[in-house]
Amino acid sequence: MFNSLIKPLYTDRTCPYIDKQYSCIKNGRKDSYYLHWEWKPDDCMLPRWGEFENGEEGYEELETAVSYRVALRTWANWIDSTIDPSKTKVFFTTMSPSHQKNKEWGNVNGIRCFNETRPVTKKGHWGTGSNKEMMNVVASVMRRMKVPVTVLNVTQLSEYRIDAHTSIYGELQGKLLTNEQRADPLHFADCIHWCLPGVPDTWNQLLFAYL
């Protein structure tokens, strides 16, 4: 199902700009599978001299997305009235998913993203950490804009990467987790932020490919 691994271009030891919150290897993480940030299903290939499918359509809009639609329309109106598309290209990146409910990827005995070392292998995986209503708002607002906008759909791509969060290898209020806190992943595992190098590098790769 998955393509071959590609090694990262840097490490959290060679890059001086990575905040220690995201330096999982420095912080004691032993596995390194997640570092190969071009893990991707066959139907989600990164572009090479060609096009990348956004996949942002087909989501049902619910009442809770109304405020987001208002905000996004304000942004879209500013883009349409201000940006000259012959001089400027506009990109919109979708939300970063979190992984809080281990049952969603079949690990009923797990604790959120703690101790996950492999991506989800089931095609079409979509968890509650991503908001489909918001995705639908993005698609509908972009379709009505005068200035063309390239939507970088990093949400579903990143949904597979349950293994790439900082988990217990991050910080809490500016300090690394203590041994006692690491022993309590139910309360202290960070399943929102990502280790670096890691998944955010794939987002940059998509942008670079479009450019």
N, C-alpha and C. Protein backbone atom coordinates (compact mmCIF):
# COMPACT_ATOMS: atom_id res chain seq x y z
N MET A 1 0.82 -1.21 0.00
CA MET A 1 0.00 0.00 0.00
C MET A 1 0.85 1.25 0.00
N PHE A 2 2.01 1.22 0.67
CA PHE A 2 2.80 2.42 0.81
C PHE A 2 4.02 2.39 -0.09
N ASN A 3 4.45 3.56 -0.50
CA ASN A 3 5.63 3.69 -1.32
C ASN A 3 6.88 3.63 -0.47
N SER A 4 8.04 3.62 -1.12
CA SER A 4 9.30 3.52 -0.40
C SER A 4 9.56 4.76 0.43
N LEU A 5 10.38 4.60 1.47
CA LEU A 5 10.69 5.69 2.39
C LEU A 5 11.74 6.62 1.80
N ILE A 6 11.65 7.88 2.15
CA ILE A 6 12.65 8.86 1.79
C ILE A 6 13.15 9.50 3.08
N LYS A 7 14.45 9.53 3.26
CA LYS A 7 15.01 10.06 4.50
C LYS A 7 14.81 11.57 4.59
N PRO A 8 14.70 12.11 5.79
CA PRO A 8 14.55 13.56 5.97
C PRO A 8 15.82 14.30 5.57
N LEU A 9 15.68 15.57 5.24
CA LEU A 9 16.80 16.39 4.81
C LEU A 9 17.58 16.97 5.98
N TYR A 10 17.07 16.81 7.21
CA TYR A 10 17.72 17.34 8.39
C TYR A 10 17.31 16.52 9.59
N THR A 11 17.91 16.76 10.72
CA THR A 11 17.52 16.11 11.96
C THR A 11 17.33 17.16 13.03
N ASP A 12 16.76 16.76 14.16
CA ASP A 12 16.59 17.73 15.24
C ASP A 12 17.91 18.00 15.95
N ARG A 13 18.96 17.32 15.55
CA ARG A 13 20.29 17.59 16.11
C ARG A 13 21.10 18.51 15.20
N THR A 14 20.84 18.46 13.89
CA THR A 14 21.61 19.29 12.96
C THR A 14 20.95 20.63 12.69
N CYS A 15 19.64 20.74 12.92
CA CYS A 15 18.95 22.00 12.67
C CYS A 15 18.80 22.78 13.98
N PRO A 16 19.42 23.96 14.08
CA PRO A 16 19.42 24.70 15.33
C PRO A 16 18.12 25.47 15.60
N TYR A 17 17.18 25.44 14.66
CA TYR A 17 16.00 26.28 14.77
C TYR A 17 14.78 25.54 15.31
N ILE A 18 14.89 24.24 15.54
CA ILE A 18 13.76 23.46 16.01
C ILE A 18 13.59 23.66 17.51
N ASP A 19 12.41 24.07 17.92
CA ASP A 19 12.12 24.21 19.34
C ASP A 19 12.20 22.84 20.00
N LYS A 20 12.68 22.81 21.24
CA LYS A 20 12.88 21.52 21.90
C LYS A 20 11.56 20.76 22.11
N GLN A 21 10.44 21.47 22.02
CA GLN A 21 9.14 20.80 22.15
C GLN A 21 8.92 19.78 21.05
N TYR A 22 9.53 20.02 19.88
CA TYR A 22 9.31 19.16 18.72
C TYR A 22 10.51 18.26 18.42
N SER A 23 11.55 18.33 19.24
CA SER A 23 12.77 17.55 19.01
C SER A 23 12.64 16.18 19.68
N CYS A 24 11.85 15.33 19.09
CA CYS A 24 11.49 14.07 19.74
C CYS A 24 12.68 13.15 19.97
N ILE A 25 13.61 13.09 19.01
CA ILE A 25 14.78 12.24 19.19
C ILE A 25 15.62 12.73 20.36
N LYS A 26 15.87 14.03 20.41
CA LYS A 26 16.62 14.59 21.53
C LYS A 26 15.92 14.32 22.85
N ASN A 27 14.60 14.29 22.80
CA ASN A 27 13.82 14.13 24.02
C ASN A 27 13.62 12.67 24.42
N GLY A 28 14.27 11.75 23.69
CA GLY A 28 14.27 10.37 24.14
C GLY A 28 13.49 9.38 23.31
N ARG A 29 12.87 9.82 22.21
CA ARG A 29 12.12 8.87 21.38
C ARG A 29 13.09 7.92 20.69
N LYS A 30 12.83 6.61 20.76
CA LYS A 30 13.76 5.61 20.25
C LYS A 30 13.43 5.18 18.81
N ASP A 31 12.15 5.07 18.46
CA ASP A 31 11.81 4.66 17.10
C ASP A 31 12.02 5.82 16.15
N SER A 32 12.27 5.52 14.88
CA SER A 32 12.55 6.59 13.91
C SER A 32 11.76 6.43 12.62
N TYR A 33 10.79 5.56 12.62
CA TYR A 33 10.01 5.31 11.40
C TYR A 33 9.30 6.57 10.93
N TYR A 34 8.81 7.35 11.88
CA TYR A 34 8.06 8.55 11.56
C TYR A 34 8.90 9.61 10.86
N LEU A 35 10.21 9.52 10.98
CA LEU A 35 11.10 10.52 10.39
C LEU A 35 11.04 10.51 8.87
N HIS A 36 10.66 9.38 8.30
CA HIS A 36 10.62 9.27 6.84
C HIS A 36 9.30 9.87 6.37
N TRP A 37 9.33 11.19 6.21
CA TRP A 37 8.11 11.96 6.12
C TRP A 37 7.42 11.91 4.78
N GLU A 38 7.88 11.09 3.84
CA GLU A 38 7.13 10.95 2.60
C GLU A 38 6.36 9.65 2.54
N TRP A 39 6.09 9.06 3.70
CA TRP A 39 5.15 7.95 3.76
C TRP A 39 3.83 8.42 3.17
N LYS A 40 3.27 7.69 2.25
CA LYS A 40 2.01 8.10 1.65
C LYS A 40 1.33 6.92 0.98
N PRO A 41 0.00 6.87 0.99
CA PRO A 41 -0.71 5.82 0.28
C PRO A 41 -0.50 6.00 -1.22
N ASP A 42 -0.67 4.92 -1.98
CA ASP A 42 -0.46 4.98 -3.42
C ASP A 42 -1.36 5.98 -4.11
N ASP A 43 -2.55 6.22 -3.54
CA ASP A 43 -3.47 7.15 -4.19
C ASP A 43 -3.27 8.58 -3.70
N CYS A 44 -2.15 8.83 -3.02
CA CYS A 44 -1.89 10.18 -2.51
C CYS A 44 -0.45 10.56 -2.81
N MET A 45 -0.04 10.32 -4.04
CA MET A 45 1.34 10.56 -4.44
C MET A 45 1.68 12.03 -4.44
N LEU A 46 2.89 12.36 -3.99
CA LEU A 46 3.37 13.72 -4.13
C LEU A 46 3.60 14.00 -5.61
N PRO A 47 3.35 15.24 -6.09
CA PRO A 47 3.51 15.55 -7.50
C PRO A 47 4.97 15.60 -7.89
N ARG A 48 5.39 15.14 -9.21
CA ARG A 48 6.71 15.24 -9.80
C ARG A 48 6.50 15.77 -11.21
N TRP A 49 6.57 17.11 -11.50
CA TRP A 49 6.38 17.68 -12.75
C TRP A 49 4.96 17.62 -13.18
N GLY A 50 4.03 17.57 -12.39
CA GLY A 50 2.60 17.40 -12.74
C GLY A 50 1.67 18.01 -11.73
N GLU A 51 0.45 17.47 -11.52
CA GLU A 51 -0.64 18.02 -10.70
C GLU A 51 -0.82 17.20 -9.42
N PHE A 52 -1.41 17.83 -8.37
CA PHE A 52 -1.76 17.12 -7.14
C PHE A 52 -3.23 17.33 -6.87
N GLU A 53 -3.93 16.25 -6.65
CA GLU A 53 -5.36 16.30 -6.45
C GLU A 53 -5.68 16.86 -5.06
N ASN A 54 -6.46 17.93 -4.98
CA ASN A 54 -6.77 18.55 -3.69
C ASN A 54 -7.66 17.67 -2.82
N GLY A 55 -8.70 17.12 -3.43
CA GLY A 55 -9.59 16.26 -2.69
C GLY A 55 -10.39 16.96 -1.63
N GLU A 56 -10.74 18.22 -1.85
CA GLU A 56 -11.41 18.98 -0.80
C GLU A 56 -12.93 19.00 -0.95
N GLU A 57 -13.48 18.27 -1.90
CA GLU A 57 -14.91 18.35 -2.16
C GLU A 57 -15.65 17.16 -1.55
N GLY A 58 -16.98 17.29 -1.51
CA GLY A 58 -17.80 16.18 -1.11
C GLY A 58 -18.08 16.06 0.37
N TYR A 59 -17.88 17.12 1.15
CA TYR A 59 -18.12 17.05 2.58
C TYR A 59 -19.38 17.82 2.95
N GLU A 60 -20.10 17.24 3.87
CA GLU A 60 -21.38 17.82 4.27
C GLU A 60 -21.17 18.98 5.23
N GLU A 61 -21.85 20.09 4.96
CA GLU A 61 -21.74 21.27 5.83
C GLU A 61 -22.79 21.21 6.93
N LEU A 62 -22.37 21.48 8.15
CA LEU A 62 -23.27 21.48 9.29
C LEU A 62 -23.35 22.88 9.88
N GLU A 63 -24.29 23.08 10.79
CA GLU A 63 -24.56 24.39 11.37
C GLU A 63 -23.34 24.96 12.09
N THR A 64 -22.52 24.12 12.69
CA THR A 64 -21.38 24.59 13.47
C THR A 64 -20.32 25.30 12.62
N ALA A 65 -20.41 25.18 11.30
CA ALA A 65 -19.40 25.78 10.43
C ALA A 65 -19.78 27.18 9.95
N VAL A 66 -20.91 27.70 10.41
CA VAL A 66 -21.39 29.00 9.92
C VAL A 66 -20.39 30.11 10.23
N SER A 67 -19.89 30.18 11.44
CA SER A 67 -18.97 31.25 11.81
C SER A 67 -17.68 31.17 11.00
N TYR A 68 -17.23 29.95 10.74
CA TYR A 68 -16.02 29.78 9.94
C TYR A 68 -16.25 30.26 8.51
N ARG A 69 -17.44 30.03 8.00
CA ARG A 69 -17.77 30.49 6.65
C ARG A 69 -17.74 32.02 6.57
N VAL A 70 -18.28 32.67 7.59
CA VAL A 70 -18.28 34.14 7.62
C VAL A 70 -16.85 34.67 7.60
N ALA A 71 -15.99 34.08 8.45
CA ALA A 71 -14.60 34.52 8.52
C ALA A 71 -13.88 34.27 7.21
N LEU A 72 -14.12 33.11 6.62
CA LEU A 72 -13.42 32.78 5.37
C LEU A 72 -13.90 33.64 4.21
N ARG A 73 -15.17 34.00 4.22
CA ARG A 73 -15.67 34.90 3.18
C ARG A 73 -15.03 36.28 3.29
N THR A 74 -14.82 36.74 4.53
CA THR A 74 -14.14 38.02 4.72
C THR A 74 -12.75 37.97 4.13
N TRP A 75 -12.05 36.89 4.39
CA TRP A 75 -10.71 36.69 3.82
C TRP A 75 -10.79 36.64 2.29
N ALA A 76 -11.76 35.88 1.76
CA ALA A 76 -11.89 35.73 0.31
C ALA A 76 -12.21 37.06 -0.37
N ASN A 77 -13.05 37.86 0.26
CA ASN A 77 -13.38 39.17 -0.30
C ASN A 77 -12.15 40.08 -0.35
N TRP A 78 -11.32 39.99 0.67
CA TRP A 78 -10.09 40.78 0.68
C TRP A 78 -9.15 40.33 -0.43
N ILE A 79 -9.02 39.04 -0.61
CA ILE A 79 -8.18 38.50 -1.68
C ILE A 79 -8.67 38.97 -3.04
N ASP A 80 -9.98 38.85 -3.28
CA ASP A 80 -10.56 39.21 -4.57
C ASP A 80 -10.42 40.70 -4.87
N SER A 81 -10.46 41.53 -3.85
CA SER A 81 -10.42 42.97 -4.06
C SER A 81 -9.00 43.55 -4.02
N THR A 82 -8.04 42.74 -3.60
CA THR A 82 -6.69 43.26 -3.37
C THR A 82 -5.62 42.62 -4.25
N ILE A 83 -5.73 41.32 -4.48
CA ILE A 83 -4.66 40.56 -5.12
C ILE A 83 -4.77 40.60 -6.64
N ASP A 84 -3.64 40.84 -7.29
CA ASP A 84 -3.54 40.76 -8.75
C ASP A 84 -3.02 39.36 -9.10
N PRO A 85 -3.89 38.47 -9.64
CA PRO A 85 -3.46 37.09 -9.89
C PRO A 85 -2.36 36.94 -10.93
N SER A 86 -2.12 38.01 -11.71
CA SER A 86 -1.02 37.94 -12.68
C SER A 86 0.34 38.13 -12.00
N LYS A 87 0.32 38.63 -10.77
CA LYS A 87 1.55 38.88 -10.04
C LYS A 87 1.70 38.02 -8.78
N THR A 88 0.59 37.53 -8.27
CA THR A 88 0.62 36.82 -6.99
C THR A 88 -0.18 35.53 -7.08
N LYS A 89 0.37 34.44 -6.54
CA LYS A 89 -0.34 33.17 -6.47
C LYS A 89 -0.73 32.93 -5.02
N VAL A 90 -1.98 32.55 -4.80
CA VAL A 90 -2.52 32.39 -3.45
C VAL A 90 -2.68 30.90 -3.11
N PHE A 91 -2.20 30.53 -1.94
CA PHE A 91 -2.34 29.16 -1.44
C PHE A 91 -3.14 29.18 -0.14
N PHE A 92 -3.92 28.15 0.08
CA PHE A 92 -4.66 28.00 1.34
C PHE A 92 -4.42 26.58 1.84
N THR A 93 -3.85 26.49 3.05
CA THR A 93 -3.56 25.18 3.64
C THR A 93 -4.66 24.81 4.63
N THR A 94 -5.18 23.59 4.52
CA THR A 94 -6.24 23.14 5.42
C THR A 94 -5.67 22.76 6.78
N MET A 95 -6.54 22.38 7.68
CA MET A 95 -6.18 22.19 9.08
C MET A 95 -5.30 20.97 9.33
N SER A 96 -4.55 21.04 10.39
CA SER A 96 -3.73 19.93 10.85
C SER A 96 -4.57 19.04 11.78
N PRO A 97 -4.69 17.75 11.50
CA PRO A 97 -5.52 16.89 12.34
C PRO A 97 -4.81 16.47 13.62
N SER A 98 -5.60 16.17 14.63
CA SER A 98 -5.07 15.58 15.86
C SER A 98 -5.56 14.13 15.93
N HIS A 99 -4.98 13.36 16.84
CA HIS A 99 -5.34 11.94 16.96
C HIS A 99 -5.55 11.60 18.43
N GLN A 100 -6.77 11.79 18.88
CA GLN A 100 -7.07 11.62 20.30
C GLN A 100 -7.82 10.31 20.59
N LYS A 101 -8.45 9.72 19.57
CA LYS A 101 -9.32 8.56 19.81
C LYS A 101 -8.75 7.34 19.10
N ASN A 102 -8.01 6.53 19.84
CA ASN A 102 -7.31 5.39 19.27
C ASN A 102 -8.24 4.35 18.64
N LYS A 103 -9.49 4.30 19.08
CA LYS A 103 -10.42 3.34 18.51
C LYS A 103 -10.70 3.62 17.04
N GLU A 104 -10.51 4.88 16.62
CA GLU A 104 -10.80 5.25 15.23
C GLU A 104 -9.87 4.56 14.25
N TRP A 105 -8.66 4.19 14.68
CA TRP A 105 -7.77 3.47 13.76
C TRP A 105 -7.58 2.01 14.19
N GLY A 106 -8.51 1.52 15.03
CA GLY A 106 -8.56 0.10 15.33
C GLY A 106 -7.73 -0.38 16.49
N ASN A 107 -7.04 0.50 17.18
CA ASN A 107 -6.23 0.10 18.33
C ASN A 107 -7.04 0.31 19.60
N VAL A 108 -7.93 -0.61 19.87
CA VAL A 108 -8.87 -0.43 20.99
C VAL A 108 -8.17 -0.49 22.34
N ASN A 109 -6.98 -1.06 22.38
CA ASN A 109 -6.25 -1.15 23.64
C ASN A 109 -5.21 -0.05 23.79
N GLY A 110 -5.16 0.87 22.84
CA GLY A 110 -4.18 1.93 22.86
C GLY A 110 -4.58 3.09 23.75
N ILE A 111 -3.68 4.06 23.86
CA ILE A 111 -3.94 5.29 24.61
C ILE A 111 -3.67 6.46 23.68
N ARG A 112 -4.71 6.92 23.01
CA ARG A 112 -4.58 8.01 22.04
C ARG A 112 -3.45 7.70 21.06
N CYS A 113 -2.53 8.63 20.82
CA CYS A 113 -1.45 8.38 19.86
C CYS A 113 -0.22 7.79 20.52
N PHE A 114 -0.26 7.55 21.81
CA PHE A 114 0.91 7.05 22.54
C PHE A 114 1.37 5.71 22.01
N ASN A 115 2.68 5.59 21.81
CA ASN A 115 3.32 4.34 21.41
C ASN A 115 2.93 3.87 20.01
N GLU A 116 2.36 4.76 19.20
CA GLU A 116 2.08 4.43 17.81
C GLU A 116 3.35 4.67 17.00
N THR A 117 3.78 3.67 16.25
CA THR A 117 5.03 3.77 15.49
C THR A 117 4.86 3.53 14.00
N ARG A 118 3.63 3.33 13.54
CA ARG A 118 3.37 3.12 12.12
C ARG A 118 2.14 3.93 11.70
N PRO A 119 2.08 4.36 10.45
CA PRO A 119 0.89 5.08 9.99
C PRO A 119 -0.32 4.16 9.88
N VAL A 120 -1.50 4.75 9.81
CA VAL A 120 -2.72 4.00 9.51
C VAL A 120 -2.59 3.45 8.09
N THR A 121 -2.94 2.20 7.88
CA THR A 121 -2.82 1.59 6.55
C THR A 121 -4.16 1.46 5.82
N LYS A 122 -5.24 1.72 6.51
CA LYS A 122 -6.56 1.61 5.90
C LYS A 122 -6.82 2.80 4.99
N LYS A 123 -7.14 2.54 3.73
CA LYS A 123 -7.42 3.61 2.80
C LYS A 123 -8.70 4.34 3.19
N GLY A 124 -8.71 5.64 2.96
CA GLY A 124 -9.90 6.43 3.26
C GLY A 124 -10.10 6.72 4.73
N HIS A 125 -9.05 6.50 5.53
CA HIS A 125 -9.18 6.78 6.98
C HIS A 125 -9.48 8.25 7.22
N TRP A 126 -10.44 8.49 8.08
CA TRP A 126 -10.79 9.86 8.45
C TRP A 126 -11.28 9.85 9.89
N GLY A 127 -10.63 10.59 10.75
CA GLY A 127 -11.00 10.61 12.16
C GLY A 127 -11.68 11.89 12.57
N THR A 128 -12.15 11.93 13.80
CA THR A 128 -12.83 13.11 14.32
C THR A 128 -11.87 14.25 14.62
N GLY A 129 -10.57 13.99 14.52
CA GLY A 129 -9.60 15.06 14.70
C GLY A 129 -9.61 16.05 13.57
N SER A 130 -10.28 15.71 12.48
CA SER A 130 -10.44 16.61 11.34
C SER A 130 -11.91 16.98 11.21
N ASN A 131 -12.17 18.23 10.88
CA ASN A 131 -13.54 18.72 10.81
C ASN A 131 -14.01 18.80 9.36
N LYS A 132 -14.85 17.86 8.96
CA LYS A 132 -15.30 17.80 7.57
C LYS A 132 -16.17 19.00 7.20
N GLU A 133 -16.89 19.54 8.18
CA GLU A 133 -17.70 20.72 7.88
C GLU A 133 -16.83 21.88 7.43
N MET A 134 -15.70 22.05 8.12
CA MET A 134 -14.77 23.12 7.77
C MET A 134 -14.18 22.90 6.39
N MET A 135 -13.88 21.66 6.07
CA MET A 135 -13.34 21.34 4.75
C MET A 135 -14.33 21.69 3.66
N ASN A 136 -15.61 21.44 3.92
CA ASN A 136 -16.64 21.77 2.95
C ASN A 136 -16.78 23.27 2.77
N VAL A 137 -16.65 24.03 3.87
CA VAL A 137 -16.69 25.49 3.79
C VAL A 137 -15.56 26.00 2.91
N VAL A 138 -14.37 25.48 3.12
CA VAL A 138 -13.22 25.89 2.30
C VAL A 138 -13.51 25.67 0.82
N ALA A 139 -14.00 24.48 0.49
CA ALA A 139 -14.26 24.15 -0.92
C ALA A 139 -15.31 25.08 -1.53
N SER A 140 -16.39 25.33 -0.79
CA SER A 140 -17.47 26.14 -1.34
C SER A 140 -17.09 27.60 -1.49
N VAL A 141 -16.33 28.14 -0.52
CA VAL A 141 -15.91 29.54 -0.60
C VAL A 141 -14.90 29.72 -1.73
N MET A 142 -13.96 28.81 -1.87
CA MET A 142 -12.93 28.92 -2.91
C MET A 142 -13.54 28.87 -4.32
N ARG A 143 -14.59 28.08 -4.49
CA ARG A 143 -15.22 27.96 -5.81
C ARG A 143 -15.82 29.28 -6.27
N ARG A 144 -16.20 30.13 -5.35
CA ARG A 144 -16.86 31.39 -5.69
C ARG A 144 -15.90 32.57 -5.82
N MET A 145 -14.63 32.33 -5.58
CA MET A 145 -13.67 33.42 -5.63
C MET A 145 -13.26 33.76 -7.07
N LYS A 146 -12.95 35.03 -7.30
CA LYS A 146 -12.47 35.47 -8.60
C LYS A 146 -10.99 35.14 -8.78
N VAL A 147 -10.23 35.36 -7.72
CA VAL A 147 -8.81 35.05 -7.76
C VAL A 147 -8.64 33.54 -7.52
N PRO A 148 -7.95 32.84 -8.41
CA PRO A 148 -7.76 31.40 -8.20
C PRO A 148 -6.90 31.12 -6.98
N VAL A 149 -7.34 30.17 -6.18
CA VAL A 149 -6.63 29.79 -4.96
C VAL A 149 -6.30 28.30 -5.04
N THR A 150 -5.06 27.96 -4.76
CA THR A 150 -4.66 26.56 -4.71
C THR A 150 -4.81 26.06 -3.28
N VAL A 151 -5.68 25.08 -3.09
CA VAL A 151 -5.91 24.53 -1.76
C VAL A 151 -4.95 23.36 -1.53
N LEU A 152 -4.12 23.48 -0.51
CA LEU A 152 -3.23 22.38 -0.13
C LEU A 152 -3.94 21.57 0.96
N ASN A 153 -4.51 20.46 0.56
CA ASN A 153 -5.25 19.63 1.50
C ASN A 153 -4.29 18.73 2.26
N VAL A 154 -3.77 19.24 3.37
CA VAL A 154 -2.85 18.45 4.18
C VAL A 154 -3.60 17.64 5.23
N THR A 155 -4.90 17.87 5.35
CA THR A 155 -5.66 17.26 6.44
C THR A 155 -5.74 15.75 6.30
N GLN A 156 -6.31 15.26 5.20
CA GLN A 156 -6.47 13.82 5.08
C GLN A 156 -5.14 13.11 4.90
N LEU A 157 -4.20 13.76 4.23
CA LEU A 157 -2.85 13.21 4.12
C LEU A 157 -2.26 12.94 5.50
N SER A 158 -2.46 13.90 6.40
CA SER A 158 -1.88 13.79 7.74
C SER A 158 -2.70 12.91 8.67
N GLU A 159 -3.94 12.62 8.29
CA GLU A 159 -4.79 11.75 9.11
C GLU A 159 -4.16 10.38 9.31
N TYR A 160 -3.40 9.92 8.32
CA TYR A 160 -2.78 8.60 8.42
C TYR A 160 -1.64 8.56 9.44
N ARG A 161 -1.10 9.72 9.81
CA ARG A 161 0.14 9.76 10.57
C ARG A 161 -0.06 9.81 12.08
N ILE A 162 -0.70 8.78 12.60
CA ILE A 162 -0.90 8.67 14.04
C ILE A 162 0.42 8.51 14.78
N ASP A 163 1.46 8.14 14.03
CA ASP A 163 2.75 7.83 14.64
C ASP A 163 3.66 9.04 14.79
N ALA A 164 3.29 10.18 14.26
CA ALA A 164 4.24 11.29 14.09
C ALA A 164 4.06 12.44 15.08
N HIS A 165 3.18 12.30 16.06
CA HIS A 165 3.01 13.36 17.06
C HIS A 165 4.10 13.28 18.13
N THR A 166 4.25 14.39 18.85
CA THR A 166 5.29 14.41 19.89
C THR A 166 4.98 13.48 21.05
N SER A 167 3.70 13.16 21.26
CA SER A 167 3.30 12.23 22.31
C SER A 167 3.93 12.61 23.65
N ILE A 168 4.69 11.69 24.25
CA ILE A 168 5.30 11.99 25.55
C ILE A 168 6.71 12.57 25.40
N TYR A 169 7.09 12.89 24.17
CA TYR A 169 8.45 13.38 23.92
C TYR A 169 8.46 14.88 23.63
N GLY A 170 7.58 15.59 24.30
CA GLY A 170 7.50 17.03 24.12
C GLY A 170 7.60 17.77 25.43
N GLU A 171 7.00 18.96 25.45
CA GLU A 171 7.07 19.82 26.63
C GLU A 171 5.69 20.10 27.20
N LEU A 172 5.67 20.54 28.41
CA LEU A 172 4.46 21.04 29.06
C LEU A 172 4.84 22.32 29.79
N GLN A 173 4.26 23.43 29.37
CA GLN A 173 4.53 24.74 29.96
C GLN A 173 6.04 25.05 29.96
N GLY A 174 6.68 24.75 28.81
CA GLY A 174 8.08 25.10 28.63
C GLY A 174 9.09 24.14 29.23
N LYS A 175 8.62 23.04 29.81
CA LYS A 175 9.54 22.07 30.42
C LYS A 175 9.25 20.69 29.86
N LEU A 176 10.33 19.91 29.64
CA LEU A 176 10.15 18.54 29.20
C LEU A 176 9.36 17.76 30.24
N LEU A 177 8.58 16.79 29.76
CA LEU A 177 7.80 15.98 30.68
C LEU A 177 8.71 15.22 31.63
N THR A 178 8.28 15.11 32.86
CA THR A 178 9.02 14.32 33.83
C THR A 178 8.76 12.84 33.58
N ASN A 179 9.54 11.99 34.21
CA ASN A 179 9.33 10.54 34.07
C ASN A 179 7.95 10.14 34.56
N GLU A 180 7.49 10.79 35.60
CA GLU A 180 6.16 10.49 36.12
C GLU A 180 5.08 10.88 35.13
N GLN A 181 5.25 12.02 34.48
CA GLN A 181 4.28 12.46 33.48
C GLN A 181 4.31 11.57 32.25
N ARG A 182 5.50 11.14 31.83
CA ARG A 182 5.61 10.24 30.68
C ARG A 182 4.96 8.90 30.95
N ALA A 183 4.91 8.52 32.20
CA ALA A 183 4.28 7.25 32.57
C ALA A 183 2.76 7.35 32.59
N ASP A 184 2.23 8.55 32.30
CA ASP A 184 0.78 8.78 32.31
C ASP A 184 0.35 9.38 30.97
N PRO A 185 0.48 8.62 29.86
CA PRO A 185 0.18 9.16 28.54
C PRO A 185 -1.29 9.54 28.35
N LEU A 186 -2.18 8.97 29.12
CA LEU A 186 -3.59 9.33 29.00
C LEU A 186 -3.79 10.82 29.24
N HIS A 187 -3.02 11.39 30.16
CA HIS A 187 -3.17 12.79 30.51
C HIS A 187 -2.10 13.68 29.90
N PHE A 188 -0.94 13.11 29.51
CA PHE A 188 0.17 13.96 29.12
C PHE A 188 0.66 13.75 27.68
N ALA A 189 0.21 12.73 26.99
CA ALA A 189 0.64 12.54 25.60
C ALA A 189 0.07 13.64 24.71
N ASP A 190 0.94 14.30 23.94
CA ASP A 190 0.53 15.38 23.04
C ASP A 190 0.26 14.78 21.66
N CYS A 191 -1.00 14.70 21.30
CA CYS A 191 -1.40 14.12 20.02
C CYS A 191 -1.89 15.20 19.05
N ILE A 192 -1.41 16.42 19.28
CA ILE A 192 -1.75 17.56 18.43
C ILE A 192 -0.53 18.05 17.66
N HIS A 193 0.57 18.28 18.37
CA HIS A 193 1.80 18.77 17.74
C HIS A 193 2.58 17.62 17.10
N TRP A 194 3.49 17.99 16.18
CA TRP A 194 4.23 17.00 15.40
C TRP A 194 5.72 17.05 15.71
N CYS A 195 6.38 15.88 15.69
CA CYS A 195 7.83 15.82 15.78
C CYS A 195 8.44 16.43 14.52
N LEU A 196 9.63 17.02 14.68
CA LEU A 196 10.39 17.54 13.54
C LEU A 196 11.80 16.95 13.56
N PRO A 197 12.27 16.49 12.37
CA PRO A 197 11.57 16.46 11.10
C PRO A 197 10.38 15.52 11.16
N GLY A 198 9.45 15.70 10.23
CA GLY A 198 8.25 14.89 10.26
C GLY A 198 7.20 15.37 9.27
N VAL A 199 5.94 15.21 9.67
CA VAL A 199 4.80 15.47 8.80
C VAL A 199 4.78 16.89 8.21
N PRO A 200 5.07 17.95 8.99
CA PRO A 200 5.05 19.30 8.40
C PRO A 200 5.99 19.46 7.21
N ASP A 201 7.04 18.64 7.13
CA ASP A 201 7.93 18.71 5.97
C ASP A 201 7.22 18.26 4.70
N THR A 202 6.29 17.33 4.84
CA THR A 202 5.51 16.90 3.68
C THR A 202 4.63 18.03 3.17
N TRP A 203 4.08 18.80 4.10
CA TRP A 203 3.28 19.96 3.68
C TRP A 203 4.13 20.92 2.86
N ASN A 204 5.35 21.16 3.32
CA ASN A 204 6.25 22.04 2.58
C ASN A 204 6.62 21.46 1.22
N GLN A 205 6.73 20.13 1.16
CA GLN A 205 7.05 19.47 -0.11
C GLN A 205 5.93 19.68 -1.11
N LEU A 206 4.70 19.65 -0.65
CA LEU A 206 3.55 19.88 -1.53
C LEU A 206 3.59 21.32 -2.09
N LEU A 207 3.83 22.27 -1.19
CA LEU A 207 3.91 23.65 -1.62
C LEU A 207 5.05 23.83 -2.63
N PHE A 208 6.20 23.25 -2.34
CA PHE A 208 7.34 23.36 -3.24
C PHE A 208 7.02 22.77 -4.61
N ALA A 209 6.30 21.63 -4.62
CA ALA A 209 5.95 21.00 -5.89
C ALA A 209 5.03 21.89 -6.72
N TYR A 210 4.09 22.55 -6.07
CA TYR A 210 3.21 23.47 -6.79
C TYR A 210 4.00 24.64 -7.35
N LEU A 211 4.89 25.19 -6.54
CA LEU A 211 5.68 26.32 -6.99
C LEU A 211 6.57 25.95 -8.17
